Amino acid sequence: MFSLMLRSCTCSVLANILDPAVPFVWVRGHTPQRVIQWWRTHVALSTTGHPHDVEVRWLEFDLQLPTPRFLELLPEFDDHGIVLFQMTRRVPDSLTLHGVPDDAIDRVLIQNGLHLRFYLPHAVECAQLASPHREVLERALQIPEVRKLAYNTA
């Protein structure tokens, strides 16, 4: 894997990084409410049920979206951290990464079509951009906004 750090960024940088030709984005472990507290929302309680107005705490889920749809929704992620994988293939139902040893995760992701990985612990923090393809990072560094974050230049 090739990787680089992006300083003090938000998810908005993904608009410059994601390749629209790569079809899928997998957001792993998204938590819409970043603070552990009860909040009201509409949630379906089963795959066949209708959404109900309920009070929830620590709601967490994975999302798989076509890249263009993710880019439409990107502003909603801007004040969040994110674990994002851009994939050349749909993520299989059975692939969760829970229980996969840390030293095997990259191999499993590559076998399933990993194009790039973006990890941002929380907004305005250092992010890691990684890819099994060196040219993906080289292309990203050609984008002025990305180059500024990578090299910490004005």
N, C-alpha and C. Protein backbone atom coordinates (compact mmCIF):
# COMPACT_ATOMS: atom_id res chain seq x y z
N MET A 1 0.85 -1.19 0.00
CA MET A 1 0.00 0.00 0.00
C MET A 1 0.88 1.24 0.00
N PHE A 2 0.46 2.21 -0.75
CA PHE A 2 1.11 3.51 -0.77
C PHE A 2 0.20 4.45 0.02
N SER A 3 0.79 5.35 0.81
CA SER A 3 -0.06 6.23 1.60
C SER A 3 0.59 7.59 1.80
N LEU A 4 -0.25 8.55 2.13
CA LEU A 4 0.22 9.88 2.49
C LEU A 4 -0.74 10.47 3.50
N MET A 5 -0.26 11.44 4.24
CA MET A 5 -1.06 12.11 5.26
C MET A 5 -1.52 13.47 4.71
N LEU A 6 -2.75 13.81 5.06
CA LEU A 6 -3.32 15.11 4.69
C LEU A 6 -3.63 15.84 6.00
N ARG A 7 -3.02 16.99 6.18
CA ARG A 7 -3.13 17.71 7.44
C ARG A 7 -4.38 18.57 7.52
N SER A 8 -4.98 18.57 8.69
CA SER A 8 -6.11 19.46 9.01
C SER A 8 -7.16 19.52 7.91
N CYS A 9 -7.71 18.37 7.58
CA CYS A 9 -8.70 18.37 6.50
C CYS A 9 -10.06 17.93 7.01
N THR A 10 -11.02 18.05 6.13
CA THR A 10 -12.37 17.56 6.37
C THR A 10 -12.73 16.63 5.22
N CYS A 11 -13.88 16.02 5.33
CA CYS A 11 -14.33 15.10 4.28
C CYS A 11 -14.51 15.80 2.93
N SER A 12 -14.65 17.11 2.93
CA SER A 12 -14.86 17.82 1.66
C SER A 12 -13.72 17.59 0.67
N VAL A 13 -12.52 17.26 1.16
CA VAL A 13 -11.40 17.00 0.26
C VAL A 13 -11.68 15.80 -0.65
N LEU A 14 -12.60 14.94 -0.24
CA LEU A 14 -12.93 13.77 -1.06
C LEU A 14 -13.51 14.15 -2.42
N ALA A 15 -14.10 15.33 -2.52
CA ALA A 15 -14.61 15.79 -3.82
C ALA A 15 -13.48 15.89 -4.84
N ASN A 16 -12.27 16.15 -4.36
CA ASN A 16 -11.10 16.26 -5.24
C ASN A 16 -10.39 14.92 -5.43
N ILE A 17 -10.60 13.99 -4.53
CA ILE A 17 -9.82 12.75 -4.52
C ILE A 17 -10.53 11.58 -5.18
N LEU A 18 -11.82 11.43 -4.92
CA LEU A 18 -12.52 10.25 -5.43
C LEU A 18 -12.57 10.26 -6.95
N ASP A 19 -12.37 9.11 -7.53
CA ASP A 19 -12.40 8.95 -8.99
C ASP A 19 -13.82 8.61 -9.41
N PRO A 20 -14.50 9.49 -10.16
CA PRO A 20 -15.88 9.22 -10.56
C PRO A 20 -16.02 7.95 -11.41
N ALA A 21 -14.93 7.48 -12.00
CA ALA A 21 -14.98 6.27 -12.83
C ALA A 21 -14.96 4.99 -11.99
N VAL A 22 -14.61 5.11 -10.71
CA VAL A 22 -14.60 3.95 -9.81
C VAL A 22 -16.00 3.90 -9.19
N PRO A 23 -16.73 2.79 -9.37
CA PRO A 23 -18.18 2.82 -9.15
C PRO A 23 -18.70 2.88 -7.72
N PHE A 24 -17.96 2.39 -6.71
CA PHE A 24 -18.57 2.26 -5.39
C PHE A 24 -17.77 2.92 -4.28
N VAL A 25 -18.51 3.42 -3.30
CA VAL A 25 -17.94 3.95 -2.08
C VAL A 25 -18.55 3.15 -0.93
N TRP A 26 -17.68 2.67 -0.04
CA TRP A 26 -18.11 1.97 1.17
C TRP A 26 -17.68 2.83 2.34
N VAL A 27 -18.65 3.33 3.10
CA VAL A 27 -18.38 4.07 4.32
C VAL A 27 -18.62 3.09 5.46
N ARG A 28 -17.60 2.87 6.24
CA ARG A 28 -17.67 1.86 7.29
C ARG A 28 -17.89 2.52 8.66
N GLY A 29 -18.89 2.03 9.39
CA GLY A 29 -19.12 2.47 10.76
C GLY A 29 -19.52 3.92 10.90
N HIS A 30 -20.37 4.43 10.00
CA HIS A 30 -20.80 5.83 10.10
C HIS A 30 -21.72 6.02 11.30
N THR A 31 -21.47 7.07 12.05
CA THR A 31 -22.32 7.44 13.18
C THR A 31 -22.86 8.85 12.93
N PRO A 32 -24.15 8.97 12.59
CA PRO A 32 -24.69 10.29 12.27
C PRO A 32 -24.63 11.28 13.43
N GLN A 33 -24.76 10.79 14.65
CA GLN A 33 -24.64 11.64 15.84
C GLN A 33 -23.28 11.35 16.47
N ARG A 34 -22.38 12.31 16.41
CA ARG A 34 -21.01 12.09 16.87
C ARG A 34 -20.88 12.04 18.38
N VAL A 35 -21.83 12.63 19.10
CA VAL A 35 -21.79 12.65 20.57
C VAL A 35 -22.66 11.51 21.08
N ILE A 36 -22.19 10.81 22.10
CA ILE A 36 -23.00 9.73 22.66
C ILE A 36 -24.10 10.36 23.51
N GLN A 37 -25.27 10.42 22.91
CA GLN A 37 -26.44 10.96 23.59
C GLN A 37 -27.68 10.48 22.85
N TRP A 38 -28.81 10.51 23.52
CA TRP A 38 -30.06 10.12 22.90
C TRP A 38 -30.52 11.22 21.95
N TRP A 39 -31.06 10.82 20.78
CA TRP A 39 -31.60 11.78 19.83
C TRP A 39 -32.74 11.13 19.05
N ARG A 40 -33.64 11.95 18.57
CA ARG A 40 -34.82 11.45 17.86
C ARG A 40 -34.52 11.39 16.36
N THR A 41 -34.97 10.28 15.77
CA THR A 41 -34.81 10.11 14.33
C THR A 41 -35.81 9.09 13.84
N HIS A 42 -35.91 8.94 12.53
CA HIS A 42 -36.77 7.93 11.92
C HIS A 42 -35.89 6.76 11.51
N VAL A 43 -36.20 5.58 12.03
CA VAL A 43 -35.40 4.38 11.75
C VAL A 43 -36.35 3.21 11.50
N ALA A 44 -36.05 2.44 10.46
CA ALA A 44 -36.77 1.19 10.26
C ALA A 44 -36.21 0.17 11.26
N LEU A 45 -37.07 -0.55 11.93
CA LEU A 45 -36.63 -1.52 12.94
C LEU A 45 -36.46 -2.92 12.37
N SER A 46 -36.83 -3.10 11.12
CA SER A 46 -36.62 -4.36 10.42
C SER A 46 -36.54 -4.05 8.93
N THR A 47 -36.07 -5.00 8.15
CA THR A 47 -35.94 -4.78 6.71
C THR A 47 -37.30 -4.65 6.03
N THR A 48 -38.35 -5.14 6.65
CA THR A 48 -39.69 -5.05 6.05
C THR A 48 -40.55 -3.97 6.69
N GLY A 49 -40.05 -3.35 7.75
CA GLY A 49 -40.84 -2.36 8.47
C GLY A 49 -40.68 -0.96 7.92
N HIS A 50 -41.59 -0.10 8.33
CA HIS A 50 -41.54 1.32 7.98
C HIS A 50 -40.68 2.05 9.00
N PRO A 51 -40.11 3.18 8.64
CA PRO A 51 -39.37 3.97 9.63
C PRO A 51 -40.29 4.44 10.75
N HIS A 52 -39.78 4.41 11.96
CA HIS A 52 -40.52 4.86 13.14
C HIS A 52 -39.76 6.00 13.79
N ASP A 53 -40.51 6.92 14.36
CA ASP A 53 -39.91 8.01 15.12
C ASP A 53 -39.52 7.43 16.48
N VAL A 54 -38.21 7.30 16.72
CA VAL A 54 -37.70 6.70 17.93
C VAL A 54 -36.55 7.53 18.47
N GLU A 55 -36.19 7.25 19.71
CA GLU A 55 -35.03 7.86 20.33
C GLU A 55 -33.92 6.81 20.31
N VAL A 56 -32.77 7.17 19.76
CA VAL A 56 -31.66 6.23 19.61
C VAL A 56 -30.40 6.82 20.23
N ARG A 57 -29.44 5.92 20.46
CA ARG A 57 -28.13 6.35 20.95
C ARG A 57 -27.09 5.48 20.26
N TRP A 58 -26.03 6.11 19.80
CA TRP A 58 -24.90 5.45 19.17
C TRP A 58 -25.32 4.58 17.97
N LEU A 59 -26.14 5.17 17.11
CA LEU A 59 -26.54 4.51 15.88
C LEU A 59 -25.31 4.47 14.96
N GLU A 60 -24.96 3.28 14.48
CA GLU A 60 -23.79 3.11 13.63
C GLU A 60 -24.14 2.14 12.52
N PHE A 61 -23.69 2.46 11.31
CA PHE A 61 -23.99 1.60 10.17
C PHE A 61 -22.97 1.80 9.06
N ASP A 62 -22.92 0.82 8.17
CA ASP A 62 -22.11 0.92 6.95
C ASP A 62 -23.02 1.41 5.83
N LEU A 63 -22.42 2.14 4.90
CA LEU A 63 -23.12 2.60 3.71
C LEU A 63 -22.36 2.12 2.48
N GLN A 64 -23.08 1.70 1.46
CA GLN A 64 -22.48 1.42 0.17
C GLN A 64 -23.27 2.21 -0.86
N LEU A 65 -22.58 3.08 -1.56
CA LEU A 65 -23.24 3.99 -2.49
C LEU A 65 -22.47 4.05 -3.80
N PRO A 66 -23.17 4.32 -4.89
CA PRO A 66 -22.45 4.66 -6.12
C PRO A 66 -21.64 5.94 -5.85
N THR A 67 -20.47 6.04 -6.42
CA THR A 67 -19.62 7.21 -6.18
C THR A 67 -20.33 8.53 -6.44
N PRO A 68 -21.06 8.68 -7.56
CA PRO A 68 -21.75 9.97 -7.78
C PRO A 68 -22.76 10.30 -6.67
N ARG A 69 -23.45 9.30 -6.17
CA ARG A 69 -24.42 9.54 -5.09
C ARG A 69 -23.71 9.96 -3.81
N PHE A 70 -22.58 9.31 -3.50
CA PHE A 70 -21.82 9.71 -2.33
C PHE A 70 -21.38 11.17 -2.46
N LEU A 71 -20.91 11.55 -3.64
CA LEU A 71 -20.46 12.93 -3.84
C LEU A 71 -21.61 13.93 -3.66
N GLU A 72 -22.84 13.54 -4.04
CA GLU A 72 -24.00 14.40 -3.79
C GLU A 72 -24.23 14.59 -2.29
N LEU A 73 -24.02 13.53 -1.52
CA LEU A 73 -24.27 13.56 -0.08
C LEU A 73 -23.07 14.05 0.74
N LEU A 74 -21.95 14.27 0.09
CA LEU A 74 -20.70 14.62 0.78
C LEU A 74 -20.82 15.76 1.79
N PRO A 75 -21.57 16.83 1.52
CA PRO A 75 -21.65 17.91 2.52
C PRO A 75 -22.16 17.43 3.89
N GLU A 76 -22.96 16.37 3.93
CA GLU A 76 -23.48 15.87 5.21
C GLU A 76 -22.40 15.20 6.05
N PHE A 77 -21.28 14.86 5.45
CA PHE A 77 -20.19 14.20 6.16
C PHE A 77 -19.11 15.18 6.61
N ASP A 78 -19.20 16.44 6.20
CA ASP A 78 -18.07 17.35 6.35
C ASP A 78 -17.65 17.62 7.78
N ASP A 79 -18.54 17.53 8.74
CA ASP A 79 -18.11 17.77 10.13
C ASP A 79 -17.93 16.46 10.89
N HIS A 80 -17.76 15.37 10.16
CA HIS A 80 -17.57 14.04 10.74
C HIS A 80 -16.19 13.49 10.39
N GLY A 81 -15.77 12.50 11.13
CA GLY A 81 -14.68 11.65 10.70
C GLY A 81 -15.27 10.60 9.77
N ILE A 82 -14.40 9.82 9.12
CA ILE A 82 -14.92 8.83 8.17
C ILE A 82 -13.88 7.74 7.93
N VAL A 83 -14.37 6.54 7.71
CA VAL A 83 -13.57 5.43 7.20
C VAL A 83 -14.22 5.08 5.87
N LEU A 84 -13.52 5.36 4.79
CA LEU A 84 -14.09 5.23 3.45
C LEU A 84 -13.17 4.40 2.57
N PHE A 85 -13.78 3.51 1.82
CA PHE A 85 -13.08 2.72 0.82
C PHE A 85 -13.76 2.96 -0.52
N GLN A 86 -12.98 3.34 -1.52
CA GLN A 86 -13.55 3.40 -2.87
C GLN A 86 -13.19 2.08 -3.54
N MET A 87 -14.21 1.41 -4.08
CA MET A 87 -14.08 0.04 -4.55
C MET A 87 -14.46 -0.07 -6.02
N THR A 88 -13.76 -0.96 -6.72
CA THR A 88 -14.09 -1.22 -8.12
C THR A 88 -15.25 -2.21 -8.27
N ARG A 89 -15.58 -2.90 -7.19
CA ARG A 89 -16.69 -3.87 -7.18
C ARG A 89 -17.54 -3.63 -5.94
N ARG A 90 -18.80 -4.06 -6.02
CA ARG A 90 -19.68 -4.00 -4.85
C ARG A 90 -19.05 -4.81 -3.72
N VAL A 91 -19.23 -4.34 -2.51
CA VAL A 91 -18.74 -5.06 -1.34
C VAL A 91 -19.70 -6.22 -1.06
N PRO A 92 -19.18 -7.44 -0.96
CA PRO A 92 -20.07 -8.58 -0.69
C PRO A 92 -20.78 -8.42 0.67
N ASP A 93 -21.97 -8.97 0.76
CA ASP A 93 -22.74 -8.92 2.01
C ASP A 93 -21.94 -9.46 3.18
N SER A 94 -21.14 -10.47 2.94
CA SER A 94 -20.43 -11.14 4.03
C SER A 94 -19.13 -10.45 4.45
N LEU A 95 -18.69 -9.41 3.73
CA LEU A 95 -17.43 -8.73 4.07
C LEU A 95 -17.70 -7.61 5.07
N THR A 96 -17.25 -7.81 6.32
CA THR A 96 -17.46 -6.80 7.36
C THR A 96 -16.16 -6.25 7.94
N LEU A 97 -15.07 -6.95 7.84
CA LEU A 97 -13.77 -6.64 8.45
C LEU A 97 -13.75 -6.86 9.95
N HIS A 98 -14.90 -7.15 10.58
CA HIS A 98 -14.91 -7.49 12.00
C HIS A 98 -14.20 -8.84 12.16
N GLY A 99 -13.21 -8.87 13.01
CA GLY A 99 -12.48 -10.11 13.25
C GLY A 99 -11.36 -10.38 12.26
N VAL A 100 -11.22 -9.55 11.23
CA VAL A 100 -10.10 -9.71 10.30
C VAL A 100 -8.87 -9.11 10.97
N PRO A 101 -7.78 -9.88 11.09
CA PRO A 101 -6.57 -9.33 11.73
C PRO A 101 -6.07 -8.09 10.99
N ASP A 102 -5.57 -7.12 11.73
CA ASP A 102 -5.09 -5.86 11.15
C ASP A 102 -4.13 -6.08 9.98
N ASP A 103 -3.24 -7.05 10.12
CA ASP A 103 -2.24 -7.27 9.08
C ASP A 103 -2.82 -7.95 7.84
N ALA A 104 -4.10 -8.32 7.86
CA ALA A 104 -4.74 -8.96 6.71
C ALA A 104 -5.78 -8.07 6.04
N ILE A 105 -6.14 -6.95 6.67
CA ILE A 105 -7.21 -6.11 6.14
C ILE A 105 -6.90 -5.60 4.74
N ASP A 106 -5.72 -5.06 4.51
CA ASP A 106 -5.39 -4.54 3.18
C ASP A 106 -5.50 -5.64 2.12
N ARG A 107 -4.99 -6.81 2.42
CA ARG A 107 -5.05 -7.92 1.47
C ARG A 107 -6.50 -8.29 1.13
N VAL A 108 -7.35 -8.35 2.15
CA VAL A 108 -8.77 -8.67 1.94
C VAL A 108 -9.44 -7.59 1.09
N LEU A 109 -9.15 -6.33 1.40
CA LEU A 109 -9.74 -5.23 0.64
C LEU A 109 -9.27 -5.25 -0.82
N ILE A 110 -8.00 -5.47 -1.04
CA ILE A 110 -7.46 -5.50 -2.41
C ILE A 110 -8.11 -6.65 -3.19
N GLN A 111 -8.28 -7.80 -2.56
CA GLN A 111 -8.92 -8.94 -3.23
C GLN A 111 -10.38 -8.62 -3.60
N ASN A 112 -10.97 -7.66 -2.90
CA ASN A 112 -12.36 -7.30 -3.15
C ASN A 112 -12.52 -6.01 -3.94
N GLY A 113 -11.42 -5.51 -4.52
CA GLY A 113 -11.52 -4.38 -5.44
C GLY A 113 -11.19 -3.02 -4.86
N LEU A 114 -10.35 -2.95 -3.84
CA LEU A 114 -9.98 -1.66 -3.27
C LEU A 114 -9.26 -0.78 -4.29
N HIS A 115 -9.74 0.44 -4.43
CA HIS A 115 -9.07 1.45 -5.26
C HIS A 115 -8.33 2.44 -4.37
N LEU A 116 -9.01 2.92 -3.32
CA LEU A 116 -8.35 3.80 -2.36
C LEU A 116 -9.03 3.69 -1.01
N ARG A 117 -8.28 4.10 0.02
CA ARG A 117 -8.79 4.12 1.39
C ARG A 117 -8.54 5.52 1.94
N PHE A 118 -9.52 6.05 2.66
CA PHE A 118 -9.40 7.37 3.28
C PHE A 118 -9.86 7.23 4.72
N TYR A 119 -9.00 7.60 5.65
CA TYR A 119 -9.34 7.53 7.07
C TYR A 119 -9.11 8.90 7.69
N LEU A 120 -10.18 9.44 8.25
CA LEU A 120 -10.14 10.72 8.94
C LEU A 120 -10.78 10.51 10.32
N PRO A 121 -9.99 10.56 11.41
CA PRO A 121 -10.55 10.28 12.74
C PRO A 121 -11.69 11.22 13.12
N HIS A 122 -11.54 12.51 12.83
CA HIS A 122 -12.60 13.49 13.01
C HIS A 122 -12.25 14.71 12.18
N ALA A 123 -13.23 15.57 11.96
CA ALA A 123 -13.02 16.74 11.10
C ALA A 123 -11.86 17.59 11.62
N VAL A 124 -11.14 18.18 10.70
CA VAL A 124 -9.99 19.06 10.95
C VAL A 124 -8.90 18.31 11.71
N GLU A 125 -8.63 17.11 11.28
CA GLU A 125 -7.58 16.25 11.83
C GLU A 125 -6.75 15.76 10.64
N CYS A 126 -5.63 15.14 10.92
CA CYS A 126 -4.82 14.53 9.86
C CYS A 126 -5.54 13.29 9.35
N ALA A 127 -5.60 13.18 8.03
CA ALA A 127 -6.23 12.02 7.39
C ALA A 127 -5.16 11.20 6.70
N GLN A 128 -5.44 9.91 6.54
CA GLN A 128 -4.56 9.04 5.76
C GLN A 128 -5.28 8.69 4.48
N LEU A 129 -4.60 8.90 3.37
CA LEU A 129 -5.06 8.49 2.05
C LEU A 129 -4.13 7.38 1.61
N ALA A 130 -4.68 6.24 1.23
CA ALA A 130 -3.85 5.09 0.86
C ALA A 130 -4.47 4.40 -0.35
N SER A 131 -3.61 3.74 -1.11
CA SER A 131 -4.06 2.98 -2.27
C SER A 131 -3.02 1.92 -2.61
N PRO A 132 -3.48 0.80 -3.15
CA PRO A 132 -2.51 -0.20 -3.63
C PRO A 132 -1.86 0.25 -4.95
N HIS A 133 -2.34 1.37 -5.50
CA HIS A 133 -1.86 1.87 -6.79
C HIS A 133 -1.15 3.21 -6.60
N ARG A 134 0.14 3.24 -6.80
CA ARG A 134 0.93 4.46 -6.62
C ARG A 134 0.37 5.64 -7.43
N GLU A 135 -0.08 5.35 -8.65
CA GLU A 135 -0.56 6.42 -9.53
C GLU A 135 -1.81 7.11 -8.98
N VAL A 136 -2.58 6.44 -8.13
CA VAL A 136 -3.75 7.08 -7.51
C VAL A 136 -3.29 8.24 -6.62
N LEU A 137 -2.25 8.00 -5.83
CA LEU A 137 -1.73 9.07 -4.96
C LEU A 137 -1.01 10.13 -5.78
N GLU A 138 -0.29 9.72 -6.81
CA GLU A 138 0.39 10.70 -7.66
C GLU A 138 -0.62 11.63 -8.33
N ARG A 139 -1.75 11.08 -8.79
CA ARG A 139 -2.81 11.91 -9.38
C ARG A 139 -3.40 12.85 -8.33
N ALA A 140 -3.64 12.34 -7.12
CA ALA A 140 -4.20 13.18 -6.06
C ALA A 140 -3.26 14.36 -5.75
N LEU A 141 -1.97 14.11 -5.75
CA LEU A 141 -1.00 15.17 -5.43
C LEU A 141 -0.90 16.23 -6.53
N GLN A 142 -1.46 15.97 -7.69
CA GLN A 142 -1.49 16.97 -8.76
C GLN A 142 -2.60 18.00 -8.52
N ILE A 143 -3.51 17.71 -7.60
CA ILE A 143 -4.63 18.61 -7.30
C ILE A 143 -4.16 19.60 -6.25
N PRO A 144 -4.20 20.90 -6.55
CA PRO A 144 -3.65 21.90 -5.62
C PRO A 144 -4.18 21.79 -4.19
N GLU A 145 -5.49 21.55 -4.01
CA GLU A 145 -6.05 21.46 -2.67
C GLU A 145 -5.47 20.27 -1.89
N VAL A 146 -5.24 19.18 -2.58
CA VAL A 146 -4.67 17.99 -1.94
C VAL A 146 -3.19 18.20 -1.67
N ARG A 147 -2.48 18.74 -2.63
CA ARG A 147 -1.05 19.00 -2.46
C ARG A 147 -0.79 19.94 -1.27
N LYS A 148 -1.65 20.95 -1.11
CA LYS A 148 -1.52 21.88 0.01
C LYS A 148 -1.66 21.15 1.35
N LEU A 149 -2.61 20.22 1.45
CA LEU A 149 -2.82 19.47 2.69
C LEU A 149 -1.69 18.47 2.93
N ALA A 150 -1.15 17.90 1.87
CA ALA A 150 -0.10 16.89 2.00
C ALA A 150 1.23 17.52 2.39
N TYR A 151 1.52 18.67 1.81
CA TYR A 151 2.82 19.29 2.05
C TYR A 151 2.75 20.47 3.03
N ASN A 152 1.53 20.75 3.55
CA ASN A 152 1.34 21.79 4.53
C ASN A 152 1.86 23.15 4.02
N THR A 153 1.48 23.46 2.78
CA THR A 153 1.91 24.72 2.17
C THR A 153 0.74 25.68 2.08
N ALA A 154 1.05 26.93 1.99
CA ALA A 154 -0.01 27.97 1.92
C ALA A 154 -0.57 28.10 0.54
